[in-house]
Structures are given as C-alpha cells and as structure tokens.
N, C-alpha and C. Protein backbone atom coordinates (compact mmCIF):
# COMPACT_ATOMS: atom_id res chain seq x y z
N TRP A 1 -121.11 117.52 38.95
CA TRP A 1 -121.02 116.31 39.73
C TRP A 1 -120.25 116.52 41.02
N GLU A 2 -119.41 117.54 41.06
CA GLU A 2 -118.66 117.85 42.28
C GLU A 2 -119.60 118.35 43.38
N GLN A 3 -120.69 119.00 42.99
CA GLN A 3 -121.66 119.50 43.97
C GLN A 3 -122.27 118.34 44.77
N PHE A 4 -122.55 117.23 44.10
CA PHE A 4 -123.07 116.04 44.78
C PHE A 4 -122.09 115.60 45.86
N ARG A 5 -120.82 115.57 45.52
CA ARG A 5 -119.80 115.14 46.48
C ARG A 5 -119.78 116.06 47.69
N GLU A 6 -119.76 117.35 47.44
CA GLU A 6 -119.65 118.31 48.53
C GLU A 6 -120.92 118.38 49.38
N ASP A 7 -122.09 118.35 48.73
CA ASP A 7 -123.34 118.54 49.46
C ASP A 7 -123.90 117.26 50.06
N LYS A 8 -123.71 116.14 49.40
CA LYS A 8 -124.38 114.91 49.83
C LYS A 8 -123.42 113.80 50.29
N LEU A 9 -122.32 113.64 49.58
CA LEU A 9 -121.47 112.47 49.79
C LEU A 9 -120.51 112.61 50.96
N TYR A 10 -119.88 113.75 51.07
CA TYR A 10 -118.86 113.93 52.09
C TYR A 10 -119.49 114.32 53.42
N THR A 11 -120.08 113.32 54.08
CA THR A 11 -120.71 113.53 55.37
C THR A 11 -120.16 112.52 56.36
N VAL A 12 -120.28 112.82 57.62
CA VAL A 12 -119.81 111.92 58.66
C VAL A 12 -120.61 110.61 58.63
N GLU A 13 -121.91 110.71 58.41
CA GLU A 13 -122.76 109.52 58.41
C GLU A 13 -122.36 108.54 57.30
N ILE A 14 -122.11 109.07 56.10
CA ILE A 14 -121.72 108.21 54.99
C ILE A 14 -120.31 107.67 55.22
N ASP A 15 -119.42 108.50 55.72
CA ASP A 15 -118.07 108.04 56.02
C ASP A 15 -118.11 106.90 57.03
N ASP A 16 -118.89 107.05 58.10
CA ASP A 16 -119.00 106.01 59.12
C ASP A 16 -119.57 104.72 58.54
N LEU A 17 -120.60 104.85 57.70
CA LEU A 17 -121.23 103.67 57.10
C LEU A 17 -120.26 102.93 56.18
N MET A 18 -119.58 103.68 55.34
CA MET A 18 -118.62 103.06 54.42
C MET A 18 -117.44 102.45 55.18
N LEU A 19 -116.97 103.13 56.19
CA LEU A 19 -115.85 102.61 56.97
C LEU A 19 -116.24 101.32 57.69
N ALA A 20 -117.44 101.25 58.22
CA ALA A 20 -117.90 100.05 58.91
C ALA A 20 -117.99 98.85 57.96
N ASN A 21 -118.20 99.12 56.68
CA ASN A 21 -118.38 98.05 55.69
C ASN A 21 -117.25 97.96 54.69
N LEU A 22 -116.16 98.64 54.96
CA LEU A 22 -115.06 98.75 54.00
C LEU A 22 -114.48 97.40 53.61
N SER A 23 -114.23 96.54 54.56
CA SER A 23 -113.63 95.24 54.21
C SER A 23 -114.62 94.41 53.40
N LEU A 24 -115.90 94.49 53.69
CA LEU A 24 -116.91 93.76 52.91
C LEU A 24 -117.02 94.33 51.51
N LEU A 25 -116.99 95.65 51.40
CA LEU A 25 -117.05 96.28 50.08
C LEU A 25 -115.81 95.93 49.26
N ASN A 26 -114.69 95.80 49.93
CA ASN A 26 -113.47 95.38 49.23
C ASN A 26 -113.62 93.95 48.71
N ARG A 27 -114.23 93.08 49.50
CA ARG A 27 -114.49 91.71 49.04
C ARG A 27 -115.43 91.70 47.83
N LEU A 28 -116.45 92.55 47.87
CA LEU A 28 -117.38 92.64 46.75
C LEU A 28 -116.67 93.15 45.50
N PHE A 29 -115.86 94.19 45.66
CA PHE A 29 -115.08 94.74 44.56
C PHE A 29 -114.18 93.66 43.97
N THR A 30 -113.52 92.91 44.84
CA THR A 30 -112.60 91.85 44.40
C THR A 30 -113.35 90.76 43.64
N LYS A 31 -114.55 90.44 44.07
CA LYS A 31 -115.34 89.41 43.39
C LYS A 31 -115.63 89.78 41.94
N TYR A 32 -115.87 91.06 41.67
CA TYR A 32 -116.28 91.48 40.33
C TYR A 32 -115.17 92.12 39.51
N LYS A 33 -114.03 92.39 40.12
CA LYS A 33 -112.95 93.04 39.36
C LYS A 33 -112.26 92.05 38.45
N GLU A 34 -111.45 92.57 37.56
CA GLU A 34 -110.66 91.72 36.67
C GLU A 34 -109.61 90.98 37.50
N PRO A 35 -109.41 89.69 37.25
CA PRO A 35 -108.38 88.96 37.98
C PRO A 35 -107.00 89.60 37.78
N ARG A 36 -106.26 89.69 38.85
CA ARG A 36 -104.90 90.24 38.85
C ARG A 36 -104.83 91.69 38.38
N ARG A 37 -105.92 92.39 38.46
CA ARG A 37 -105.94 93.81 38.10
C ARG A 37 -106.57 94.57 39.27
N GLY A 38 -106.27 95.84 39.35
CA GLY A 38 -106.79 96.64 40.46
C GLY A 38 -108.03 97.44 40.12
N TYR A 39 -108.74 97.05 39.08
CA TYR A 39 -109.90 97.84 38.68
C TYR A 39 -111.09 96.95 38.34
N LEU A 40 -112.24 97.58 38.32
CA LEU A 40 -113.49 96.90 38.03
C LEU A 40 -114.03 97.41 36.70
N PRO A 41 -114.10 96.56 35.69
CA PRO A 41 -114.66 97.00 34.40
C PRO A 41 -116.13 97.40 34.55
N LEU A 42 -116.54 98.40 33.79
CA LEU A 42 -117.91 98.89 33.89
C LEU A 42 -118.94 97.81 33.61
N ASN A 43 -118.66 96.92 32.65
CA ASN A 43 -119.63 95.86 32.37
C ASN A 43 -119.78 94.92 33.58
N ASN A 44 -118.73 94.71 34.36
CA ASN A 44 -118.83 93.91 35.57
C ASN A 44 -119.62 94.66 36.65
N PHE A 45 -119.47 95.98 36.70
CA PHE A 45 -120.25 96.79 37.65
C PHE A 45 -121.73 96.68 37.32
N VAL A 46 -122.06 96.77 36.05
CA VAL A 46 -123.47 96.63 35.61
C VAL A 46 -123.99 95.24 35.99
N ARG A 47 -123.17 94.22 35.76
CA ARG A 47 -123.57 92.84 36.10
C ARG A 47 -123.79 92.70 37.60
N MET A 48 -122.93 93.32 38.39
CA MET A 48 -123.06 93.27 39.84
C MET A 48 -124.40 93.86 40.28
N VAL A 49 -124.77 95.00 39.72
CA VAL A 49 -126.03 95.65 40.06
C VAL A 49 -127.21 94.77 39.66
N LYS A 50 -127.12 94.15 38.49
CA LYS A 50 -128.17 93.23 38.05
C LYS A 50 -128.24 92.01 38.96
N ASP A 51 -127.08 91.46 39.32
CA ASP A 51 -127.04 90.30 40.21
C ASP A 51 -127.69 90.61 41.56
N ALA A 52 -127.53 91.84 42.02
CA ALA A 52 -128.10 92.26 43.30
C ALA A 52 -129.59 92.61 43.18
N LYS A 53 -130.10 92.58 41.96
CA LYS A 53 -131.51 92.88 41.67
C LYS A 53 -131.89 94.30 42.11
N ILE A 54 -130.94 95.21 41.90
CA ILE A 54 -131.22 96.63 42.13
C ILE A 54 -131.90 97.14 40.88
N MET A 55 -133.06 97.72 41.05
CA MET A 55 -133.93 98.06 39.93
C MET A 55 -133.53 99.37 39.26
N LEU A 56 -132.42 99.34 38.55
CA LEU A 56 -131.98 100.46 37.73
C LEU A 56 -131.65 99.92 36.35
N ASN A 57 -131.91 100.73 35.32
CA ASN A 57 -131.57 100.26 33.98
C ASN A 57 -130.07 100.48 33.74
N GLU A 58 -129.56 99.83 32.72
CA GLU A 58 -128.13 99.86 32.43
C GLU A 58 -127.62 101.28 32.20
N ARG A 59 -128.42 102.08 31.53
CA ARG A 59 -128.02 103.47 31.26
C ARG A 59 -127.79 104.24 32.57
N ASP A 60 -128.71 104.07 33.53
CA ASP A 60 -128.57 104.76 34.82
C ASP A 60 -127.35 104.26 35.59
N VAL A 61 -127.11 102.95 35.54
CA VAL A 61 -125.95 102.38 36.24
C VAL A 61 -124.65 102.92 35.63
N LEU A 62 -124.59 102.97 34.31
CA LEU A 62 -123.40 103.51 33.64
C LEU A 62 -123.22 104.99 33.94
N GLN A 63 -124.33 105.71 34.02
CA GLN A 63 -124.24 107.14 34.35
C GLN A 63 -123.70 107.31 35.77
N CYS A 64 -124.17 106.50 36.71
CA CYS A 64 -123.68 106.58 38.09
C CYS A 64 -122.18 106.30 38.15
N SER A 65 -121.75 105.29 37.40
CA SER A 65 -120.32 104.97 37.41
C SER A 65 -119.51 106.06 36.73
N GLY A 66 -120.03 106.62 35.65
CA GLY A 66 -119.32 107.69 34.95
C GLY A 66 -119.15 108.94 35.79
N LEU A 67 -120.18 109.27 36.55
CA LEU A 67 -120.09 110.45 37.42
C LEU A 67 -119.17 110.23 38.61
N SER A 68 -118.84 108.98 38.86
CA SER A 68 -117.97 108.64 39.99
C SER A 68 -116.49 108.69 39.65
N LYS A 69 -116.18 108.90 38.38
CA LYS A 69 -114.78 108.90 37.95
C LYS A 69 -114.02 110.09 38.53
N MET A 70 -112.80 109.82 38.93
CA MET A 70 -111.91 110.91 39.33
C MET A 70 -111.41 111.60 38.07
N THR A 71 -110.80 112.73 38.23
CA THR A 71 -110.27 113.46 37.09
C THR A 71 -109.18 112.62 36.40
N ILE A 72 -109.29 112.53 35.09
CA ILE A 72 -108.30 111.80 34.29
C ILE A 72 -107.49 112.85 33.54
N VAL A 73 -106.22 112.93 33.85
CA VAL A 73 -105.37 113.97 33.27
C VAL A 73 -105.18 113.78 31.78
N ASP A 74 -104.83 112.58 31.35
CA ASP A 74 -104.56 112.33 29.95
C ASP A 74 -105.37 111.11 29.50
N VAL A 75 -106.53 111.36 28.93
CA VAL A 75 -107.44 110.29 28.53
C VAL A 75 -106.81 109.40 27.46
N LEU A 76 -106.05 109.97 26.55
CA LEU A 76 -105.43 109.18 25.50
C LEU A 76 -104.40 108.21 26.04
N GLN A 77 -103.67 108.64 27.05
CA GLN A 77 -102.65 107.78 27.63
C GLN A 77 -103.27 106.74 28.58
N ASN A 78 -104.38 107.09 29.20
CA ASN A 78 -105.04 106.20 30.16
C ASN A 78 -106.41 105.80 29.66
N GLU A 79 -106.46 105.27 28.45
CA GLU A 79 -107.72 104.92 27.82
C GLU A 79 -108.56 103.97 28.66
N HIS A 80 -107.92 102.99 29.29
CA HIS A 80 -108.65 102.00 30.09
C HIS A 80 -109.34 102.63 31.30
N SER A 81 -108.86 103.78 31.76
CA SER A 81 -109.43 104.39 32.96
C SER A 81 -110.87 104.85 32.76
N LEU A 82 -111.27 105.09 31.51
CA LEU A 82 -112.65 105.47 31.24
C LEU A 82 -113.61 104.29 31.37
N GLU A 83 -113.11 103.11 31.17
CA GLU A 83 -113.95 101.91 31.12
C GLU A 83 -113.86 101.07 32.38
N ASN A 84 -113.18 101.58 33.41
CA ASN A 84 -112.95 100.82 34.64
C ASN A 84 -113.12 101.71 35.86
N LEU A 85 -113.45 101.09 36.97
CA LEU A 85 -113.56 101.80 38.23
C LEU A 85 -112.45 101.38 39.18
N GLU A 86 -111.78 102.36 39.76
CA GLU A 86 -110.87 102.09 40.87
C GLU A 86 -111.74 101.90 42.12
N PHE A 87 -111.16 101.41 43.20
CA PHE A 87 -111.96 101.11 44.39
C PHE A 87 -112.68 102.34 44.93
N VAL A 88 -111.99 103.46 45.02
CA VAL A 88 -112.63 104.67 45.57
C VAL A 88 -113.78 105.13 44.66
N GLU A 89 -113.63 104.95 43.36
CA GLU A 89 -114.70 105.29 42.42
C GLU A 89 -115.87 104.33 42.58
N PHE A 90 -115.57 103.08 42.87
CA PHE A 90 -116.59 102.07 43.14
C PHE A 90 -117.44 102.48 44.33
N LEU A 91 -116.80 102.97 45.39
CA LEU A 91 -117.53 103.41 46.57
C LEU A 91 -118.47 104.57 46.24
N GLU A 92 -117.97 105.51 45.47
CA GLU A 92 -118.82 106.64 45.08
C GLU A 92 -119.94 106.18 44.16
N ALA A 93 -119.65 105.25 43.27
CA ALA A 93 -120.68 104.74 42.35
C ALA A 93 -121.83 104.11 43.12
N ILE A 94 -121.53 103.40 44.19
CA ILE A 94 -122.58 102.82 45.03
C ILE A 94 -123.44 103.93 45.62
N SER A 95 -122.81 105.00 46.06
CA SER A 95 -123.55 106.14 46.61
C SER A 95 -124.43 106.78 45.55
N ARG A 96 -123.91 106.87 44.34
CA ARG A 96 -124.71 107.46 43.26
C ARG A 96 -125.86 106.54 42.84
N LEU A 97 -125.66 105.22 42.94
CA LEU A 97 -126.77 104.30 42.70
C LEU A 97 -127.89 104.57 43.70
N ALA A 98 -127.51 104.75 44.95
CA ALA A 98 -128.50 105.03 45.99
C ALA A 98 -129.23 106.34 45.70
N GLN A 99 -128.49 107.35 45.30
CA GLN A 99 -129.10 108.64 44.97
C GLN A 99 -130.08 108.49 43.80
N GLN A 100 -129.69 107.74 42.79
CA GLN A 100 -130.54 107.51 41.63
C GLN A 100 -131.83 106.78 42.03
N LEU A 101 -131.70 105.78 42.87
CA LEU A 101 -132.87 105.05 43.35
C LEU A 101 -133.81 105.96 44.15
N ALA A 102 -133.22 106.80 44.99
CA ALA A 102 -134.03 107.74 45.78
C ALA A 102 -134.81 108.68 44.87
N GLN A 103 -134.17 109.16 43.82
CA GLN A 103 -134.86 110.06 42.89
C GLN A 103 -135.97 109.33 42.14
N GLN A 104 -135.73 108.09 41.75
CA GLN A 104 -136.76 107.33 41.04
C GLN A 104 -137.97 107.06 41.91
N HIS A 105 -137.75 106.89 43.20
CA HIS A 105 -138.84 106.60 44.12
C HIS A 105 -139.34 107.85 44.83
N GLU A 106 -138.99 109.00 44.27
CA GLU A 106 -139.41 110.30 44.80
C GLU A 106 -139.09 110.43 46.28
N GLN A 107 -137.89 110.00 46.64
CA GLN A 107 -137.40 110.11 48.00
C GLN A 107 -136.09 110.90 48.02
N ALA A 108 -135.97 111.87 47.13
CA ALA A 108 -134.72 112.61 46.99
C ALA A 108 -134.37 113.38 48.26
N ASP A 109 -135.36 113.64 49.11
CA ASP A 109 -135.09 114.37 50.35
C ASP A 109 -134.62 113.47 51.48
N THR A 110 -134.68 112.16 51.27
CA THR A 110 -134.21 111.21 52.29
C THR A 110 -132.70 111.34 52.41
N ASP A 111 -132.19 111.28 53.65
CA ASP A 111 -130.75 111.35 53.85
C ASP A 111 -130.06 110.25 53.05
N LEU A 112 -129.04 110.64 52.32
CA LEU A 112 -128.36 109.70 51.43
C LEU A 112 -127.81 108.49 52.17
N HIS A 113 -127.31 108.68 53.38
CA HIS A 113 -126.74 107.53 54.11
C HIS A 113 -127.80 106.47 54.40
N MET A 114 -129.05 106.87 54.54
CA MET A 114 -130.11 105.89 54.78
C MET A 114 -130.41 105.09 53.52
N VAL A 115 -130.34 105.74 52.37
CA VAL A 115 -130.58 105.05 51.10
C VAL A 115 -129.39 104.14 50.78
N ILE A 116 -128.17 104.61 51.02
CA ILE A 116 -126.98 103.77 50.82
C ILE A 116 -127.09 102.53 51.70
N ASP A 117 -127.54 102.73 52.92
CA ASP A 117 -127.75 101.62 53.85
C ASP A 117 -128.63 100.55 53.21
N ASP A 118 -129.71 100.98 52.56
CA ASP A 118 -130.61 100.03 51.90
C ASP A 118 -129.98 99.36 50.68
N VAL A 119 -129.14 100.08 49.96
CA VAL A 119 -128.49 99.54 48.76
C VAL A 119 -127.40 98.53 49.14
N LEU A 120 -126.74 98.75 50.26
CA LEU A 120 -125.67 97.85 50.67
C LEU A 120 -126.17 96.43 50.96
N LYS A 121 -127.39 96.32 51.45
CA LYS A 121 -127.92 95.00 51.83
C LYS A 121 -127.90 94.01 50.67
N PRO A 122 -128.53 94.33 49.51
CA PRO A 122 -128.49 93.35 48.42
C PRO A 122 -127.09 93.20 47.79
N LEU A 123 -126.31 94.27 47.82
CA LEU A 123 -124.96 94.16 47.27
C LEU A 123 -124.10 93.22 48.10
N LEU A 124 -124.14 93.38 49.40
CA LEU A 124 -123.32 92.54 50.27
C LEU A 124 -123.84 91.11 50.33
N ALA A 125 -125.11 90.93 50.03
CA ALA A 125 -125.66 89.56 49.95
C ALA A 125 -124.97 88.77 48.84
N LEU A 126 -124.44 89.47 47.85
CA LEU A 126 -123.72 88.80 46.76
C LEU A 126 -122.46 88.08 47.23
N ILE A 127 -121.94 88.50 48.38
CA ILE A 127 -120.77 87.83 48.96
C ILE A 127 -121.15 87.13 50.26
N ASN A 128 -122.45 86.89 50.41
CA ASN A 128 -122.98 86.21 51.61
C ASN A 128 -122.58 86.93 52.89
N ALA A 129 -122.70 88.24 52.88
CA ALA A 129 -122.36 89.05 54.04
C ALA A 129 -123.53 89.98 54.37
N GLU A 130 -123.56 90.40 55.61
CA GLU A 130 -124.57 91.35 56.05
C GLU A 130 -123.92 92.69 56.33
N LYS A 131 -124.66 93.72 56.04
CA LYS A 131 -124.18 95.08 56.27
C LYS A 131 -123.86 95.28 57.75
N GLN A 132 -122.74 95.92 57.99
CA GLN A 132 -122.32 96.22 59.36
C GLN A 132 -122.79 97.62 59.74
N GLU A 133 -123.18 97.77 60.98
CA GLU A 133 -123.60 99.08 61.47
C GLU A 133 -122.36 99.89 61.84
N PRO A 134 -122.42 101.19 61.62
CA PRO A 134 -121.28 102.05 62.01
C PRO A 134 -121.09 102.02 63.53
N ARG A 135 -119.87 102.20 63.93
CA ARG A 135 -119.58 102.29 65.37
C ARG A 135 -120.11 103.61 65.88
N VAL A 136 -120.72 103.56 67.04
CA VAL A 136 -121.28 104.76 67.65
C VAL A 136 -120.43 105.11 68.86
N TYR A 137 -119.96 106.34 68.86
CA TYR A 137 -119.17 106.84 69.97
C TYR A 137 -120.05 107.76 70.79
N GLU A 138 -120.15 107.45 72.06
CA GLU A 138 -120.93 108.32 72.92
C GLU A 138 -120.04 109.44 73.42
N ASP A 139 -120.59 110.63 73.43
CA ASP A 139 -119.85 111.78 73.91
C ASP A 139 -120.03 111.86 75.42
N ASP A 140 -119.05 111.36 76.14
CA ASP A 140 -119.12 111.30 77.59
C ASP A 140 -118.19 112.36 78.15
N ASP A 141 -118.74 113.26 78.94
CA ASP A 141 -117.94 114.35 79.49
C ASP A 141 -117.19 113.96 80.76
N ASP A 142 -117.29 112.71 81.18
CA ASP A 142 -116.63 112.25 82.39
C ASP A 142 -115.13 112.12 82.14
N ASP A 143 -114.34 113.01 82.78
CA ASP A 143 -112.89 113.02 82.59
C ASP A 143 -112.22 111.83 83.26
N ASP A 144 -112.89 111.16 84.20
CA ASP A 144 -112.30 110.04 84.91
C ASP A 144 -112.32 108.75 84.09
N ASP A 145 -113.05 108.74 83.02
CA ASP A 145 -113.20 107.53 82.22
C ASP A 145 -112.08 107.46 81.19
N ASP A 146 -111.04 106.68 81.49
CA ASP A 146 -109.89 106.58 80.60
C ASP A 146 -110.17 105.77 79.35
N GLN A 147 -111.27 105.01 79.34
CA GLN A 147 -111.57 104.18 78.18
C GLN A 147 -111.82 105.03 76.94
N ASP A 148 -112.37 106.22 77.10
CA ASP A 148 -112.63 107.08 75.95
C ASP A 148 -111.35 107.53 75.29
N ASP A 149 -110.26 107.60 76.08
CA ASP A 149 -108.99 108.10 75.55
C ASP A 149 -108.12 107.00 74.95
N GLU A 150 -108.45 105.76 75.21
CA GLU A 150 -107.63 104.66 74.73
C GLU A 150 -108.08 104.21 73.34
N LEU A 151 -107.12 103.83 72.53
CA LEU A 151 -107.44 103.26 71.23
C LEU A 151 -107.81 101.80 71.41
N ASP A 152 -108.83 101.37 70.70
CA ASP A 152 -109.15 99.95 70.80
C ASP A 152 -108.23 99.15 69.88
N GLU A 153 -108.27 97.83 70.02
CA GLU A 153 -107.36 96.95 69.29
C GLU A 153 -107.50 97.09 67.78
N ARG A 154 -108.72 97.30 67.29
CA ARG A 154 -108.94 97.44 65.84
C ARG A 154 -108.23 98.68 65.30
N ASP A 155 -108.34 99.80 66.05
CA ASP A 155 -107.67 101.02 65.63
C ASP A 155 -106.15 100.85 65.65
N LEU A 156 -105.65 100.18 66.67
CA LEU A 156 -104.21 99.95 66.76
C LEU A 156 -103.71 99.08 65.61
N ALA A 157 -104.48 98.05 65.26
CA ALA A 157 -104.08 97.18 64.15
C ALA A 157 -104.03 97.96 62.85
N LEU A 158 -105.00 98.84 62.64
CA LEU A 158 -105.03 99.66 61.43
C LEU A 158 -103.83 100.59 61.38
N ILE A 159 -103.51 101.21 62.49
CA ILE A 159 -102.35 102.11 62.55
C ILE A 159 -101.06 101.34 62.27
N ARG A 160 -100.92 100.15 62.88
CA ARG A 160 -99.72 99.34 62.64
C ARG A 160 -99.61 98.94 61.17
N SER A 161 -100.74 98.58 60.59
CA SER A 161 -100.76 98.17 59.18
C SER A 161 -100.33 99.31 58.28
N GLU A 162 -100.87 100.50 58.52
CA GLU A 162 -100.51 101.66 57.70
C GLU A 162 -99.03 101.99 57.87
N LYS A 163 -98.54 101.88 59.09
CA LYS A 163 -97.13 102.18 59.35
C LYS A 163 -96.22 101.19 58.62
N SER A 164 -96.57 99.90 58.67
CA SER A 164 -95.73 98.92 57.99
C SER A 164 -95.80 99.08 56.47
N ASN A 165 -96.96 99.49 55.95
CA ASN A 165 -97.06 99.75 54.50
C ASN A 165 -96.16 100.90 54.10
N ARG A 166 -96.11 101.94 54.91
CA ARG A 166 -95.23 103.08 54.58
C ARG A 166 -93.77 102.67 54.66
N GLU A 167 -93.40 101.84 55.63
CA GLU A 167 -92.02 101.39 55.75
C GLU A 167 -91.63 100.49 54.60
N PHE A 168 -92.61 99.72 54.08
CA PHE A 168 -92.36 98.83 52.96
C PHE A 168 -92.07 99.61 51.68
N GLU A 169 -92.73 100.75 51.51
CA GLU A 169 -92.53 101.57 50.31
C GLU A 169 -91.19 102.19 50.39
C-alpha cells in the first residue's frame, strides 16, 4: 500500500487539489465524525460514501479506508484506531476511493488527480459546497514584477495561524 502513496498519491497535482478543498473536506469530515471526537468511525465513512451515491460496495469502501491507515504501533493499546479514521487518513481514503472507481471503470491509467476531482463533487455536495479549483501559479520570468514575490493575504493568515498555534502549545 505504500507503493500507491509514493507512485500515485504524493504528487503536486493531488496536493494542490486537496489544499484548495481542505476547509471543505474538513467540514465534510466534521459532519460525519463522532461528536466531540477527532475521528471518523468506519461505519460513518461507509454511510458518507452511500449518501454521496458513489457506486462502490461496502467491502471496497472498507478496503479503501483500511489501506489508508497510518502505522499503528500498539494495536492492543489503540484498539479504536483500527475502526476510525483520522483526518489525514480520511483524505487518503478519498483518494483510494477514486483509484478504486477508476479501476472498476477500466480507467486505471487516468491521472489520479482527475478521478479525485470527480469524486470530490458528490462528496462536497453533501455539505452543499462545490469543489474548488487549485490555485494556478504562472511561472513569470519578469524580475520587475514584485507581485510574484509577495505573499497574498490568505498565505499570511495561514502563517499567522500556525505561528499562534505553536505559541499556544
């Protein structure tokens, strides 16, 4: 399962797509996760996929979520971790759902980010949201254009937020 991550998942295109939709995906995760808990039970993940009318059977959905799990050091001590998805695992599970759909429709050669793009649409519809397009940066060789060197307000807000979180800890 690590080969999938290295060969298909860890790409700039998928990173850009997920980053553009991160806040929406967090809202979706929050809608289906256990109240006052930081994880999503597998049965809720299966329900979410069914609610989105993604045409995969329960076994395939559970397999996608299982392959998305991070390494669990002590399964006996962290029994609940086998039955729940953390947010980062949720993101990978969505990618694996897309891969599974591509294989079922004999489109395994299609770029994974394009299939994920298609899967995000019905998932985000569950929270009445539309998929956001990744930001496109043009590679401009003009050294006189200072706008390329400046951080936009969104980037600055993210940096400030991360800094205040570290100071809070």
